[in-house]
Protein backbone atom coordinates (compact mmCIF):
# COMPACT_ATOMS: atom_id res chain seq x y z
CA UNK A 1 6.31 170.38 105.16
CA UNK A 2 3.10 172.35 105.63
CA UNK A 3 2.55 174.60 108.63
CA UNK A 4 -0.10 172.17 109.91
CA UNK A 5 2.31 169.23 109.67
CA UNK A 6 5.01 171.27 111.41
CA UNK A 7 2.69 172.15 114.30
CA UNK A 8 1.61 168.52 114.64
CA UNK A 9 5.24 167.44 114.86
CA UNK A 10 6.05 170.16 117.39
CA UNK A 11 3.06 169.11 119.50
CA UNK A 12 4.22 165.52 119.39
CA UNK A 13 7.71 166.41 120.60
CA UNK A 14 6.40 168.62 123.39
CA UNK A 15 3.96 165.88 124.44
CA UNK A 16 6.76 163.29 124.57
CA UNK A 17 9.68 165.23 126.03
CA UNK A 18 7.63 167.39 128.47
CA UNK A 19 10.20 170.21 128.61
CA UNK A 20 10.38 172.66 131.48
CA UNK A 21 10.83 175.52 129.05
CA UNK A 22 11.87 176.21 125.51
CA UNK A 23 14.17 178.89 124.15
CA UNK A 24 14.89 180.28 120.72
CA UNK A 25 18.26 181.25 119.34
CA UNK A 26 19.65 181.99 115.86
CA UNK A 27 20.10 178.92 113.65
CA UNK A 28 21.22 180.42 110.33
CA UNK A 29 23.03 183.67 110.78
CA UNK A 30 20.55 186.11 112.28
CA UNK A 31 17.45 184.11 111.36
CA UNK A 32 15.88 182.96 114.65
CA UNK A 33 13.48 180.13 115.35
CA UNK A 34 9.80 181.02 115.16
CA UNK A 35 7.86 181.55 118.38
CA UNK A 36 4.41 179.97 118.62
CA UNK A 37 1.75 181.13 121.06
CA UNK A 38 0.17 177.67 120.93
CA UNK A 39 3.06 175.99 122.70
CA UNK A 40 3.79 178.37 125.59
CA UNK A 41 7.26 179.36 124.51
CA UNK A 42 8.07 176.60 122.07
CA UNK A 43 10.33 177.78 119.29
CA UNK A 44 10.62 175.82 116.09
CA UNK A 45 11.43 176.14 112.40
CA UNK A 46 10.79 173.43 109.82
CA UNK A 47 11.59 175.49 106.70
CA UNK A 48 14.95 173.82 106.17
CA UNK A 49 17.33 175.55 103.80
CA UNK A 50 20.30 173.38 104.62
CA UNK A 51 21.17 170.32 106.61
CA UNK A 52 22.06 170.55 110.28
CA UNK A 53 19.41 173.26 110.82
CA UNK A 54 18.09 173.32 114.37
CA UNK A 55 14.31 173.10 114.58
CA UNK A 56 13.73 172.85 118.33
CA UNK A 57 15.69 173.60 121.48
CA UNK A 58 14.22 172.96 124.93
CA UNK A 59 15.34 172.73 128.53
CA UNK A 60 14.44 169.31 129.97
CA UNK A 61 15.92 169.81 133.43
CA UNK A 62 18.40 172.04 135.18
CA UNK A 63 21.28 170.02 133.74
CA UNK A 64 19.92 168.86 130.38
CA UNK A 65 19.02 170.64 127.13
CA UNK A 66 17.25 168.94 124.22
CA UNK A 67 18.26 169.94 120.70
CA UNK A 68 16.48 168.59 117.62
CA UNK A 69 17.92 169.37 114.21
CA UNK A 70 17.80 168.13 110.66
CA UNK A 71 20.17 165.23 110.14
CA UNK A 72 23.25 165.71 108.01
CA UNK A 73 22.39 162.35 106.42
CA UNK A 74 19.14 163.44 104.78
CA UNK A 75 15.51 164.30 105.53
CA UNK A 76 15.64 162.93 109.08
CA UNK A 77 15.93 164.39 112.56
CA UNK A 78 18.77 164.13 115.01
CA UNK A 79 18.08 164.29 118.74
CA UNK A 80 20.70 165.39 121.25
CA UNK A 81 20.58 165.79 125.01
CA UNK A 82 23.36 168.13 126.11
CA UNK A 83 24.67 168.86 129.59
CA UNK A 84 23.87 172.31 131.00
CA UNK A 85 25.30 174.26 133.89
CA UNK A 86 27.71 172.10 135.89
CA UNK A 87 26.74 168.99 133.92
CA UNK A 88 29.03 167.84 131.14
CA UNK A 89 28.07 165.34 128.49
CA UNK A 90 25.98 164.60 125.44
CA UNK A 91 23.76 161.76 124.19
CA UNK A 92 22.56 161.66 120.60
CA UNK A 93 20.43 159.62 118.24
CA UNK A 94 19.79 159.98 114.50
CA UNK A 95 16.51 158.86 112.90
CA UNK A 96 18.21 157.94 109.62
CA UNK A 97 21.55 157.44 107.97
CA UNK A 98 24.40 155.21 109.01
CA UNK A 99 23.72 155.46 112.76
CA UNK A 100 19.92 155.20 112.64
CA UNK A 101 18.51 154.00 115.93
CA UNK A 102 21.84 153.93 117.74
CA UNK A 103 22.21 155.93 120.96
CA UNK A 104 25.71 157.28 121.27
CA UNK A 105 27.29 159.45 123.96
CA UNK A 106 30.32 161.59 124.64
CA UNK A 107 32.95 159.52 126.45
CA UNK A 108 35.68 162.06 127.18
CA UNK A 109 35.73 161.68 130.96
CA UNK A 110 33.88 160.35 134.01
CA UNK A 111 31.47 163.32 134.07
CA UNK A 112 30.36 162.59 130.51
CA UNK A 113 29.81 158.94 131.35
CA UNK A 114 27.83 159.86 134.48
CA UNK A 115 25.63 162.17 132.41
CA UNK A 116 25.00 159.40 129.86
CA UNK A 117 24.20 156.81 132.54
CA UNK A 118 21.72 159.17 134.20
CA UNK A 119 19.85 160.22 131.07
CA UNK A 120 20.19 157.26 128.70
CA UNK A 121 16.97 155.37 129.76
CA UNK A 122 14.91 158.57 129.46
CA UNK A 123 16.56 159.44 126.14
CA UNK A 124 16.04 155.99 124.56
CA UNK A 125 12.39 155.97 125.66
CA UNK A 126 11.59 159.39 124.21
CA UNK A 127 13.63 158.92 121.03
CA UNK A 128 11.62 155.80 120.23
CA UNK A 129 8.34 157.64 120.88
CA UNK A 130 9.64 160.43 118.62
CA UNK A 131 10.08 158.03 115.72
CA UNK A 132 13.69 156.86 116.01
CA UNK A 133 14.12 153.14 115.20
CA UNK A 134 15.53 152.37 118.64
CA UNK A 135 16.24 148.69 119.25
CA UNK A 136 14.22 147.70 122.31
CA UNK A 137 12.45 144.68 123.73
CA UNK A 138 8.71 144.18 123.42
CA UNK A 139 8.43 144.72 127.18
CA UNK A 140 10.20 148.09 126.99
CA UNK A 141 8.01 149.32 124.14
CA UNK A 142 4.82 148.11 125.82
CA UNK A 143 5.76 150.05 128.95
CA UNK A 144 6.81 153.17 127.02
CA UNK A 145 3.34 153.66 125.53
CA UNK A 146 1.46 153.50 128.83
CA UNK A 147 0.94 157.27 129.04
CA UNK A 148 -0.26 157.57 125.43
CA UNK A 149 -3.78 157.40 124.06
CA UNK A 150 -4.78 154.79 121.50
CA UNK A 151 -5.16 157.59 118.96
CA UNK A 152 -1.58 158.79 119.53
CA UNK A 153 -0.24 155.24 119.17
CA UNK A 154 -2.05 154.83 115.86
CA UNK A 155 -1.26 158.28 114.44
CA UNK A 156 2.41 158.04 115.40
CA UNK A 157 2.55 154.47 114.03
CA UNK A 158 4.28 153.03 117.07
CA UNK A 159 4.72 149.31 116.49
CA UNK A 160 5.08 147.33 119.71
CA UNK A 161 3.72 143.85 119.19
CA UNK A 162 1.69 142.33 116.47
CA UNK A 163 -1.50 144.38 116.45
CA UNK A 164 -3.76 141.50 117.64
CA UNK A 165 -1.65 140.84 120.75
CA UNK A 166 -1.50 144.52 121.63
CA UNK A 167 -5.26 144.88 121.18
CA UNK A 168 -5.98 141.79 123.28
CA UNK A 169 -3.81 143.13 126.12
CA UNK A 170 -5.65 146.45 126.07
CA UNK A 171 -9.03 144.73 125.88
CA UNK A 172 -8.33 142.72 129.04
CA UNK A 173 -6.98 145.79 130.85
CA UNK A 174 -10.18 147.68 129.97
CA UNK A 175 -12.39 144.78 131.09
CA UNK A 176 -10.75 144.74 134.52
CA UNK A 177 -10.68 148.56 134.78
CA UNK A 178 -6.90 148.83 134.92
CA UNK A 179 -5.64 152.34 134.24
CA UNK A 180 -2.11 151.10 133.64
CA UNK A 181 -0.49 147.73 133.03
CA UNK A 182 2.85 146.42 131.87
CA UNK A 183 4.38 143.51 130.04
CA UNK A 184 6.04 141.54 132.82
CA UNK A 185 7.52 138.56 130.95
CA UNK A 186 7.76 137.37 127.38
CA UNK A 187 8.96 134.40 125.39
CA UNK A 188 8.22 132.84 122.01
CA UNK A 189 4.94 131.35 123.26
CA UNK A 190 3.32 133.78 125.69
CA UNK A 191 3.21 137.41 126.80
CA UNK A 192 2.52 137.91 130.52
CA UNK A 193 0.97 141.20 131.66
CA UNK A 194 0.25 142.62 135.11
CA UNK A 195 -1.59 145.65 136.47
CA UNK A 196 -3.26 146.90 139.64
CA UNK A 197 -6.93 147.41 140.46
CA UNK A 198 -6.62 149.47 143.64
CA UNK A 199 -4.73 147.07 145.94
CA UNK A 200 -5.48 143.93 143.92
CA UNK A 201 -3.00 142.59 141.40
CA UNK A 202 -4.42 141.41 138.07
CA UNK A 203 -2.43 139.44 135.52
CA UNK A 204 -2.96 137.55 132.31
CA UNK A 205 -1.11 135.45 129.73
CA UNK A 206 -1.66 135.86 125.99
CA UNK A 207 -0.79 133.02 123.65
CA UNK A 208 1.48 134.47 120.94
CA UNK A 209 0.21 131.91 118.41
CA UNK A 210 -3.52 132.52 118.82
CA UNK A 211 -3.40 136.14 120.13
CA UNK A 212 -5.91 135.22 122.87
CA UNK A 213 -5.67 134.96 126.65
CA UNK A 214 -5.06 131.54 128.23
CA UNK A 215 -4.73 132.62 131.88
CA UNK A 216 -6.26 135.43 133.94
CA UNK A 217 -5.77 135.86 137.67
CA UNK A 218 -6.71 138.36 140.36
CA UNK A 219 -5.34 138.44 143.87
CA UNK A 220 -2.22 139.11 145.88
CA UNK A 221 0.59 137.25 147.55
CA UNK A 222 -0.94 137.31 151.02
CA UNK A 223 -4.43 136.03 150.18
CA UNK A 224 -3.82 133.94 147.08
CA UNK A 225 -5.35 134.26 143.65
CA UNK A 226 -8.59 133.62 141.83
CA UNK A 227 -7.42 132.18 138.54
CA UNK A 228 -8.94 130.84 135.32
CA UNK A 229 -6.76 128.84 132.99
CA UNK A 230 -6.97 126.41 130.12
CA UNK A 231 -6.26 122.71 130.33
CA UNK A 232 -6.03 120.30 127.42
CA UNK A 233 -7.82 116.96 127.44
CA UNK A 234 -8.28 114.33 124.73
CA UNK A 235 -11.64 115.96 124.02
CA UNK A 236 -10.09 119.39 123.59
CA UNK A 237 -9.45 122.55 125.60
CA UNK A 238 -11.41 123.31 128.77
CA UNK A 239 -11.44 126.23 131.18
CA UNK A 240 -10.75 125.63 134.85
CA UNK A 241 -11.31 127.98 137.79
CA UNK A 242 -9.00 127.99 140.81
CA UNK A 243 -11.34 129.73 143.27
CA UNK A 244 -10.47 132.39 145.81
CA UNK A 245 -13.76 133.92 147.09
CA UNK A 246 -12.23 137.29 148.04
CA UNK A 247 -11.63 138.01 144.36
CA UNK A 248 -14.63 136.32 142.74
CA UNK A 249 -16.48 139.59 142.14
CA UNK A 250 -13.52 141.11 140.29
CA UNK A 251 -13.22 138.00 138.13
CA UNK A 252 -16.96 137.86 137.37
CA UNK A 253 -17.12 141.50 136.30
CA UNK A 254 -13.98 141.29 134.17
CA UNK A 255 -14.98 138.05 132.44
CA UNK A 256 -18.43 139.40 131.66
CA UNK A 257 -16.93 142.45 129.94
CA UNK A 258 -14.73 140.11 127.89
CA UNK A 259 -17.76 138.21 126.61
CA UNK A 260 -16.56 135.04 128.34
CA UNK A 261 -19.29 132.41 128.05
CA UNK A 262 -18.09 129.27 129.85
CA UNK A 263 -20.93 128.48 132.28
CA UNK A 264 -18.82 125.95 134.17
CA UNK A 265 -16.70 128.89 135.31
CA UNK A 266 -19.48 131.46 135.73
CA UNK A 267 -21.52 129.04 137.85
CA UNK A 268 -18.81 129.23 140.52
CA UNK A 269 -18.76 133.05 140.53
CA UNK A 270 -21.28 135.57 141.92
CA UNK A 271 -24.30 136.04 139.65
CA UNK A 272 -24.58 139.46 138.04
CA UNK A 273 -27.94 141.24 138.01
CA UNK A 274 -29.39 142.72 134.83
CA UNK A 275 -28.62 146.20 136.20
CA UNK A 276 -24.98 145.26 136.90
CA UNK A 277 -24.59 143.80 133.41
CA UNK A 278 -25.93 147.00 131.86
CA UNK A 279 -23.51 149.14 133.89
CA UNK A 280 -20.60 146.89 132.94
CA UNK A 281 -21.52 147.05 129.28
CA UNK A 282 -21.81 150.83 129.24
CA UNK A 283 -18.48 151.26 131.03
CA UNK A 284 -16.58 149.06 128.57
CA UNK A 285 -15.05 151.02 125.64
CA UNK A 286 -17.07 150.18 122.57
CA UNK A 287 -13.97 149.33 120.54
CA UNK A 288 -13.52 146.32 122.87
CA UNK A 289 -17.10 145.12 122.98
CA UNK A 290 -17.44 141.35 122.43
CA UNK A 291 -19.19 140.28 119.25
CA UNK A 292 -22.23 139.04 121.15
CA UNK A 293 -22.98 142.58 122.38
CA UNK A 294 -22.56 144.09 118.93
CA UNK A 295 -24.82 141.43 117.43
CA UNK A 296 -27.54 142.21 119.96
CA UNK A 297 -27.70 145.80 118.68
CA UNK A 298 -28.36 144.80 115.07
């Protein structure tokens, strides 16, 4: 592993685990971990000479210490969260080998079980982001990546859904200016997402067969929802609008950013001025621009 690759890996772990502080200590006799000024006290060593070498040790909280070391099973990493102070317990996960992706914990007494119950959700989440093949639902994985950038997701090769479904979900979230969203329900046919635009709830369904949205709604429980959805007729699929005037502006702006072109729906929503359309276009990430916008620039 080159020094550049080692630093990239250390940055990834620090980004994911967000430790309160990191400490060095000898790993092979008197050979200590290497301090790095770039990471404000991170200590690491990726020049493995034998298996079971510790490459990072970091305090996560007052009662939990993270230890990352080379797996005894091969060129993998093993993550452990160990009780500190009055806390007793340990959770561990190995990236490879016989127990790859399995989260185990020390089960000696009630204190160990309490420690595992407290930290297991956090540990599973961060182990998966760190590259461990944790078994998790699509909903869990979709929620775990919310704080990451698209670049981090791609560079770290985090597979959540099929790429088209994931991209469509992010495209709709961007169109409706949602900073965060989550997968709320899933089955073999549809993925249902929800997010918040200030105090307004926005949700949408993506067809798992076509990787495109079939329902979008904006509203709340008290006032109802403005909703567009598809209906099938002998002539084919048509869009229908269930109006709710309080949320028409949100729907019009979001649909415009998506490149939605059904005039039977738009005719029931507030008209957008040329200036508004320009602002909406410029505020939409270019990676999600509809084809019609890209074609206009050619």
